[in-house]
């Protein structure tokens, strides 16, 4: 009986510890990506064409870096929606459709926030 209780406690602690690690990484990733997207949005709003390509590359590189680790524990559908919006941003900027790119940037930031909220450790998500 004591062995089973210790094993259960260890498993519960491992689950809680793993959830804390993944939640912290998700928050950090969302914050970094949102900041990068905000910088891109500011440049698009100012029509600063000189640095747009560099900032789009930064967004893509940051996404690739974070996507690989997030894919371990987040639904792929959620990640694919974000990736699709990032691709839309890139194509809109290349074709100089700046209003559409601002809309896609806002969608991307919303989806990132949604992922963070959806995988947060709180009572709403548990039940």
N, C-alpha and C. Protein backbone atom coordinates (compact mmCIF):
# COMPACT_ATOMS: atom_id res chain seq x y z
N UNK A 1 0.82 -1.20 0.00
CA UNK A 1 0.00 0.00 0.00
C UNK A 1 0.86 1.26 0.00
N UNK A 2 1.90 1.25 0.79
CA UNK A 2 2.79 2.40 0.88
C UNK A 2 3.54 2.61 -0.44
N UNK A 3 3.95 1.50 -1.07
CA UNK A 3 4.65 1.59 -2.36
C UNK A 3 3.78 2.26 -3.41
N UNK A 4 2.51 1.81 -3.48
CA UNK A 4 1.59 2.36 -4.47
C UNK A 4 1.35 3.84 -4.24
N UNK A 5 1.25 4.24 -2.98
CA UNK A 5 1.02 5.65 -2.67
C UNK A 5 2.23 6.49 -3.06
N UNK A 6 3.42 6.00 -2.82
CA UNK A 6 4.64 6.72 -3.18
C UNK A 6 4.75 6.83 -4.70
N UNK A 7 4.44 5.76 -5.39
CA UNK A 7 4.48 5.79 -6.85
C UNK A 7 3.48 6.79 -7.40
N UNK A 8 2.27 6.82 -6.84
CA UNK A 8 1.24 7.79 -7.29
C UNK A 8 1.69 9.22 -7.04
N UNK A 9 2.28 9.47 -5.88
CA UNK A 9 2.75 10.81 -5.56
C UNK A 9 3.87 11.23 -6.50
N UNK A 10 4.78 10.32 -6.80
CA UNK A 10 5.87 10.62 -7.73
C UNK A 10 5.33 10.93 -9.12
N UNK A 11 4.35 10.17 -9.57
CA UNK A 11 3.75 10.39 -10.89
C UNK A 11 3.04 11.74 -10.92
N UNK A 12 2.28 12.06 -9.89
CA UNK A 12 1.59 13.35 -9.85
C UNK A 12 2.58 14.49 -9.82
N UNK A 13 3.64 14.38 -9.05
CA UNK A 13 4.67 15.43 -9.01
C UNK A 13 5.36 15.57 -10.36
N UNK A 14 5.61 14.46 -11.05
CA UNK A 14 6.24 14.52 -12.38
C UNK A 14 5.32 15.23 -13.37
N UNK A 15 4.02 14.95 -13.29
CA UNK A 15 3.06 15.61 -14.18
C UNK A 15 3.02 17.11 -13.90
N UNK A 16 2.96 17.49 -12.64
CA UNK A 16 2.92 18.91 -12.28
C UNK A 16 4.21 19.59 -12.71
N UNK A 17 5.34 18.97 -12.45
CA UNK A 17 6.64 19.55 -12.83
C UNK A 17 6.73 19.71 -14.35
N UNK A 18 6.32 18.70 -15.09
CA UNK A 18 6.34 18.78 -16.56
C UNK A 18 5.41 19.87 -17.07
N UNK A 19 4.25 20.00 -16.44
CA UNK A 19 3.31 21.04 -16.85
C UNK A 19 3.88 22.43 -16.58
N UNK A 20 4.55 22.61 -15.46
CA UNK A 20 5.15 23.90 -15.15
C UNK A 20 6.22 24.25 -16.18
N UNK A 21 7.05 23.29 -16.54
CA UNK A 21 8.11 23.53 -17.53
C UNK A 21 7.51 23.89 -18.89
N UNK A 22 6.53 23.12 -19.34
CA UNK A 22 5.93 23.40 -20.65
C UNK A 22 5.16 24.71 -20.66
N UNK A 23 4.48 25.02 -19.55
CA UNK A 23 3.75 26.28 -19.48
C UNK A 23 4.70 27.48 -19.51
N UNK A 24 5.80 27.39 -18.78
CA UNK A 24 6.79 28.48 -18.80
C UNK A 24 7.40 28.65 -20.19
N UNK A 25 7.71 27.55 -20.86
CA UNK A 25 8.27 27.63 -22.20
C UNK A 25 7.25 28.23 -23.18
N UNK A 26 5.99 27.84 -23.03
CA UNK A 26 4.95 28.37 -23.90
C UNK A 26 4.80 29.88 -23.69
N UNK A 27 4.78 30.32 -22.44
CA UNK A 27 4.66 31.76 -22.16
C UNK A 27 5.85 32.52 -22.73
N UNK A 28 7.06 31.98 -22.55
CA UNK A 28 8.26 32.63 -23.06
C UNK A 28 8.21 32.70 -24.59
N UNK A 29 7.82 31.62 -25.22
CA UNK A 29 7.76 31.58 -26.68
C UNK A 29 6.73 32.56 -27.22
N UNK A 30 5.55 32.58 -26.60
CA UNK A 30 4.50 33.50 -27.04
C UNK A 30 4.96 34.95 -26.87
N UNK A 31 5.60 35.24 -25.76
CA UNK A 31 6.09 36.60 -25.52
C UNK A 31 7.11 37.02 -26.58
N UNK A 32 8.08 36.15 -26.85
CA UNK A 32 9.11 36.46 -27.84
C UNK A 32 8.52 36.64 -29.24
N UNK A 33 7.62 35.73 -29.63
CA UNK A 33 7.02 35.82 -30.96
C UNK A 33 6.10 37.04 -31.08
N UNK A 34 5.37 37.34 -30.03
CA UNK A 34 4.50 38.51 -30.04
C UNK A 34 5.30 39.79 -30.14
N UNK A 35 6.42 39.86 -29.42
CA UNK A 35 7.29 41.04 -29.53
C UNK A 35 7.84 41.20 -30.93
N UNK A 36 8.28 40.11 -31.52
CA UNK A 36 8.81 40.15 -32.89
C UNK A 36 7.72 40.58 -33.88
N UNK A 37 6.52 40.04 -33.70
CA UNK A 37 5.41 40.42 -34.57
C UNK A 37 5.00 41.88 -34.36
N UNK A 38 5.07 42.37 -33.13
CA UNK A 38 4.74 43.78 -32.86
C UNK A 38 5.73 44.71 -33.56
N UNK A 39 7.00 44.34 -33.51
CA UNK A 39 8.01 45.13 -34.21
C UNK A 39 7.74 45.15 -35.72
N UNK A 40 7.39 43.99 -36.24
CA UNK A 40 7.06 43.90 -37.67
C UNK A 40 5.83 44.76 -37.99
N UNK A 41 4.83 44.70 -37.14
CA UNK A 41 3.61 45.49 -37.35
C UNK A 41 3.93 46.99 -37.35
N UNK A 42 4.77 47.42 -36.43
CA UNK A 42 5.16 48.83 -36.39
C UNK A 42 5.85 49.25 -37.69
N UNK A 43 6.73 48.39 -38.18
CA UNK A 43 7.43 48.71 -39.43
C UNK A 43 6.47 48.74 -40.61
N UNK A 44 5.51 47.83 -40.62
CA UNK A 44 4.52 47.81 -41.71
C UNK A 44 3.66 49.07 -41.65
N UNK A 45 3.25 49.45 -40.46
CA UNK A 45 2.41 50.66 -40.32
C UNK A 45 3.16 51.92 -40.75
N UNK A 46 4.47 51.94 -40.51
CA UNK A 46 5.27 53.09 -40.91
C UNK A 46 5.76 52.98 -42.35
N UNK A 47 5.44 51.84 -42.99
CA UNK A 47 5.87 51.57 -44.36
C UNK A 47 7.39 51.65 -44.49
N UNK A 48 8.07 51.13 -43.49
CA UNK A 48 9.53 51.12 -43.48
C UNK A 48 10.01 49.91 -44.28
N UNK A 49 10.01 50.05 -45.58
CA UNK A 49 10.24 48.94 -46.50
C UNK A 49 11.66 48.39 -46.39
N UNK A 50 12.60 49.22 -45.99
CA UNK A 50 13.99 48.79 -45.92
C UNK A 50 14.21 47.64 -44.94
N UNK A 51 13.52 47.67 -43.83
CA UNK A 51 13.77 46.65 -42.81
C UNK A 51 12.69 45.57 -42.74
N UNK A 52 11.67 45.67 -43.58
CA UNK A 52 10.58 44.69 -43.54
C UNK A 52 11.06 43.27 -43.82
N UNK A 53 11.89 43.10 -44.84
CA UNK A 53 12.36 41.76 -45.18
C UNK A 53 13.17 41.15 -44.04
N UNK A 54 14.01 41.96 -43.41
CA UNK A 54 14.80 41.45 -42.28
C UNK A 54 13.90 41.04 -41.12
N UNK A 55 12.88 41.83 -40.87
CA UNK A 55 11.99 41.51 -39.77
C UNK A 55 11.12 40.29 -40.07
N UNK A 56 10.74 40.13 -41.31
CA UNK A 56 10.00 38.92 -41.69
C UNK A 56 10.88 37.69 -41.50
N UNK A 57 12.15 37.81 -41.87
CA UNK A 57 13.10 36.70 -41.65
C UNK A 57 13.23 36.39 -40.16
N UNK A 58 13.28 37.45 -39.33
CA UNK A 58 13.37 37.25 -37.88
C UNK A 58 12.15 36.50 -37.36
N UNK A 59 10.98 36.89 -37.85
CA UNK A 59 9.75 36.21 -37.42
C UNK A 59 9.79 34.74 -37.84
N UNK A 60 10.18 34.49 -39.08
CA UNK A 60 10.26 33.10 -39.56
C UNK A 60 11.27 32.28 -38.77
N UNK A 61 12.45 32.85 -38.52
CA UNK A 61 13.48 32.14 -37.77
C UNK A 61 13.04 31.87 -36.34
N UNK A 62 12.42 32.85 -35.72
CA UNK A 62 11.94 32.69 -34.35
C UNK A 62 10.86 31.62 -34.30
N UNK A 63 9.98 31.63 -35.29
CA UNK A 63 8.92 30.63 -35.34
C UNK A 63 9.49 29.23 -35.52
N UNK A 64 10.43 29.06 -36.44
CA UNK A 64 11.05 27.75 -36.66
C UNK A 64 11.72 27.24 -35.39
N UNK A 65 12.39 28.14 -34.70
CA UNK A 65 13.08 27.78 -33.46
C UNK A 65 12.08 27.31 -32.40
N UNK A 66 10.99 28.02 -32.24
CA UNK A 66 10.00 27.70 -31.20
C UNK A 66 9.08 26.57 -31.63
N UNK A 67 8.75 26.51 -32.91
CA UNK A 67 7.81 25.51 -33.41
C UNK A 67 8.27 24.08 -33.10
N UNK A 68 9.54 23.82 -33.27
CA UNK A 68 10.05 22.46 -33.08
C UNK A 68 9.80 21.96 -31.66
N UNK A 69 9.99 22.81 -30.67
CA UNK A 69 9.78 22.39 -29.28
C UNK A 69 8.30 22.42 -28.91
N UNK A 70 7.57 23.39 -29.40
CA UNK A 70 6.14 23.47 -29.08
C UNK A 70 5.37 22.28 -29.65
N UNK A 71 5.84 21.74 -30.75
CA UNK A 71 5.15 20.62 -31.41
C UNK A 71 5.15 19.36 -30.55
N UNK A 72 6.01 19.28 -29.55
CA UNK A 72 6.03 18.11 -28.68
C UNK A 72 4.76 17.99 -27.84
N UNK A 73 4.15 19.13 -27.47
CA UNK A 73 3.04 19.05 -26.52
C UNK A 73 1.83 19.90 -26.88
N UNK A 74 1.87 20.59 -28.01
CA UNK A 74 0.72 21.38 -28.44
C UNK A 74 0.16 20.76 -29.71
N UNK A 75 -1.17 20.81 -29.84
CA UNK A 75 -1.83 20.23 -31.00
C UNK A 75 -1.27 20.85 -32.29
N UNK A 76 -1.05 20.01 -33.25
CA UNK A 76 -0.46 20.47 -34.51
C UNK A 76 -1.40 21.40 -35.28
N UNK A 77 -2.70 21.22 -35.10
CA UNK A 77 -3.64 22.12 -35.79
C UNK A 77 -3.44 23.55 -35.36
N UNK A 78 -3.22 23.76 -34.06
CA UNK A 78 -3.00 25.12 -33.55
C UNK A 78 -1.73 25.71 -34.15
N UNK A 79 -0.69 24.91 -34.20
CA UNK A 79 0.59 25.39 -34.72
C UNK A 79 0.51 25.65 -36.23
N UNK A 80 -0.25 24.83 -36.92
CA UNK A 80 -0.41 25.02 -38.36
C UNK A 80 -1.15 26.31 -38.68
N UNK A 81 -2.12 26.68 -37.84
CA UNK A 81 -2.84 27.94 -38.05
C UNK A 81 -1.87 29.12 -37.93
N UNK A 82 -1.01 29.06 -36.93
CA UNK A 82 -0.04 30.14 -36.74
C UNK A 82 0.94 30.17 -37.91
N UNK A 83 1.40 29.01 -38.32
CA UNK A 83 2.35 28.94 -39.43
C UNK A 83 1.72 29.46 -40.72
N UNK A 84 0.45 29.17 -40.92
CA UNK A 84 -0.24 29.65 -42.11
C UNK A 84 -0.33 31.18 -42.10
N UNK A 85 -0.61 31.75 -40.95
CA UNK A 85 -0.68 33.22 -40.85
C UNK A 85 0.68 33.85 -41.08
N UNK A 86 1.74 33.23 -40.59
CA UNK A 86 3.09 33.77 -40.81
C UNK A 86 3.43 33.72 -42.29
N UNK A 87 3.04 32.66 -42.95
CA UNK A 87 3.25 32.56 -44.40
C UNK A 87 2.43 33.63 -45.13
N UNK A 88 1.23 33.88 -44.67
CA UNK A 88 0.39 34.92 -45.26
C UNK A 88 1.02 36.29 -45.08
N UNK A 89 1.58 36.53 -43.89
CA UNK A 89 2.26 37.80 -43.63
C UNK A 89 3.40 37.98 -44.63
N UNK A 90 4.19 36.94 -44.79
CA UNK A 90 5.34 37.00 -45.69
C UNK A 90 4.89 37.31 -47.12
N UNK A 91 3.87 36.63 -47.60
CA UNK A 91 3.42 36.86 -48.98
C UNK A 91 2.77 38.23 -49.14
N UNK A 92 2.05 38.68 -48.13
CA UNK A 92 1.43 40.02 -48.21
C UNK A 92 2.48 41.12 -48.24
N UNK A 93 3.53 40.96 -47.49
CA UNK A 93 4.59 41.97 -47.50
C UNK A 93 5.34 41.95 -48.83
N UNK A 94 5.57 40.75 -49.38
CA UNK A 94 6.25 40.67 -50.68
C UNK A 94 5.44 41.32 -51.79
N UNK A 95 4.12 41.24 -51.69
CA UNK A 95 3.27 41.83 -52.73
C UNK A 95 2.80 43.23 -52.36
N UNK A 96 3.35 43.80 -51.31
CA UNK A 96 3.06 45.16 -50.85
C UNK A 96 1.60 45.37 -50.46
N UNK A 97 0.96 44.33 -49.96
CA UNK A 97 -0.41 44.43 -49.44
C UNK A 97 -0.31 44.63 -47.92
N UNK A 98 0.02 45.84 -47.53
CA UNK A 98 0.36 46.12 -46.14
C UNK A 98 -0.84 46.04 -45.20
N UNK A 99 -2.01 46.42 -45.67
CA UNK A 99 -3.21 46.34 -44.82
C UNK A 99 -3.53 44.88 -44.49
N UNK A 100 -3.41 44.02 -45.50
CA UNK A 100 -3.66 42.60 -45.27
C UNK A 100 -2.60 41.99 -44.35
N UNK A 101 -1.37 42.46 -44.47
CA UNK A 101 -0.32 41.92 -43.60
C UNK A 101 -0.55 42.34 -42.15
N UNK A 102 -1.06 43.54 -41.94
CA UNK A 102 -1.37 43.97 -40.56
C UNK A 102 -2.47 43.09 -39.97
N UNK A 103 -3.45 42.78 -40.79
CA UNK A 103 -4.53 41.89 -40.35
C UNK A 103 -3.98 40.50 -40.00
N UNK A 104 -3.08 39.98 -40.81
CA UNK A 104 -2.49 38.67 -40.55
C UNK A 104 -1.60 38.69 -39.31
N UNK A 105 -0.91 39.79 -39.10
CA UNK A 105 -0.08 39.92 -37.90
C UNK A 105 -0.97 39.89 -36.65
N UNK A 106 -2.08 40.61 -36.71
CA UNK A 106 -3.02 40.61 -35.58
C UNK A 106 -3.60 39.22 -35.34
N UNK A 107 -3.93 38.51 -36.42
CA UNK A 107 -4.43 37.13 -36.28
C UNK A 107 -3.38 36.24 -35.64
N UNK A 108 -2.15 36.38 -36.07
CA UNK A 108 -1.06 35.57 -35.52
C UNK A 108 -0.89 35.82 -34.03
N UNK A 109 -0.94 37.09 -33.65
CA UNK A 109 -0.79 37.42 -32.24
C UNK A 109 -1.96 36.88 -31.42
N UNK A 110 -3.17 36.93 -31.99
CA UNK A 110 -4.34 36.36 -31.33
C UNK A 110 -4.19 34.85 -31.16
N UNK A 111 -3.77 34.17 -32.22
CA UNK A 111 -3.60 32.72 -32.15
C UNK A 111 -2.54 32.32 -31.14
N UNK A 112 -1.46 33.08 -31.08
CA UNK A 112 -0.42 32.80 -30.09
C UNK A 112 -0.97 32.96 -28.67
N UNK A 113 -1.72 34.01 -28.44
CA UNK A 113 -2.32 34.23 -27.12
C UNK A 113 -3.32 33.13 -26.80
N UNK A 114 -4.06 32.69 -27.81
CA UNK A 114 -5.01 31.60 -27.63
C UNK A 114 -4.30 30.31 -27.22
N UNK A 115 -3.19 30.01 -27.85
CA UNK A 115 -2.43 28.81 -27.49
C UNK A 115 -1.95 28.91 -26.05
N UNK A 116 -1.44 30.07 -25.67
CA UNK A 116 -0.98 30.26 -24.30
C UNK A 116 -2.12 30.05 -23.30
N UNK A 117 -3.28 30.63 -23.58
CA UNK A 117 -4.42 30.50 -22.67
C UNK A 117 -4.97 29.08 -22.64
N UNK A 118 -4.99 28.45 -23.79
CA UNK A 118 -5.56 27.10 -23.88
C UNK A 118 -4.76 26.07 -23.10
N UNK A 119 -3.45 26.23 -23.07
CA UNK A 119 -2.61 25.25 -22.40
C UNK A 119 -2.14 25.71 -21.03
N UNK A 120 -2.78 26.73 -20.51
CA UNK A 120 -2.44 27.20 -19.16
C UNK A 120 -2.98 26.21 -18.13
N UNK A 121 -2.31 26.12 -17.02
CA UNK A 121 -2.70 25.21 -15.95
C UNK A 121 -3.63 25.97 -15.01
N UNK A 122 -4.94 25.85 -15.25
CA UNK A 122 -5.92 26.48 -14.39
C UNK A 122 -7.17 25.59 -14.32
N UNK A 123 -8.06 25.93 -13.41
CA UNK A 123 -9.24 25.09 -13.21
C UNK A 123 -10.13 25.01 -14.44
N UNK A 124 -10.23 26.10 -15.18
CA UNK A 124 -11.06 26.12 -16.37
C UNK A 124 -10.60 25.08 -17.39
N UNK A 125 -9.30 24.92 -17.55
CA UNK A 125 -8.77 23.97 -18.52
C UNK A 125 -8.74 22.54 -17.99
N UNK A 126 -8.75 22.39 -16.69
CA UNK A 126 -8.73 21.04 -16.12
C UNK A 126 -10.11 20.39 -16.23
N UNK A 127 -11.13 21.15 -15.95
CA UNK A 127 -12.50 20.60 -15.97
C UNK A 127 -13.14 21.06 -17.23
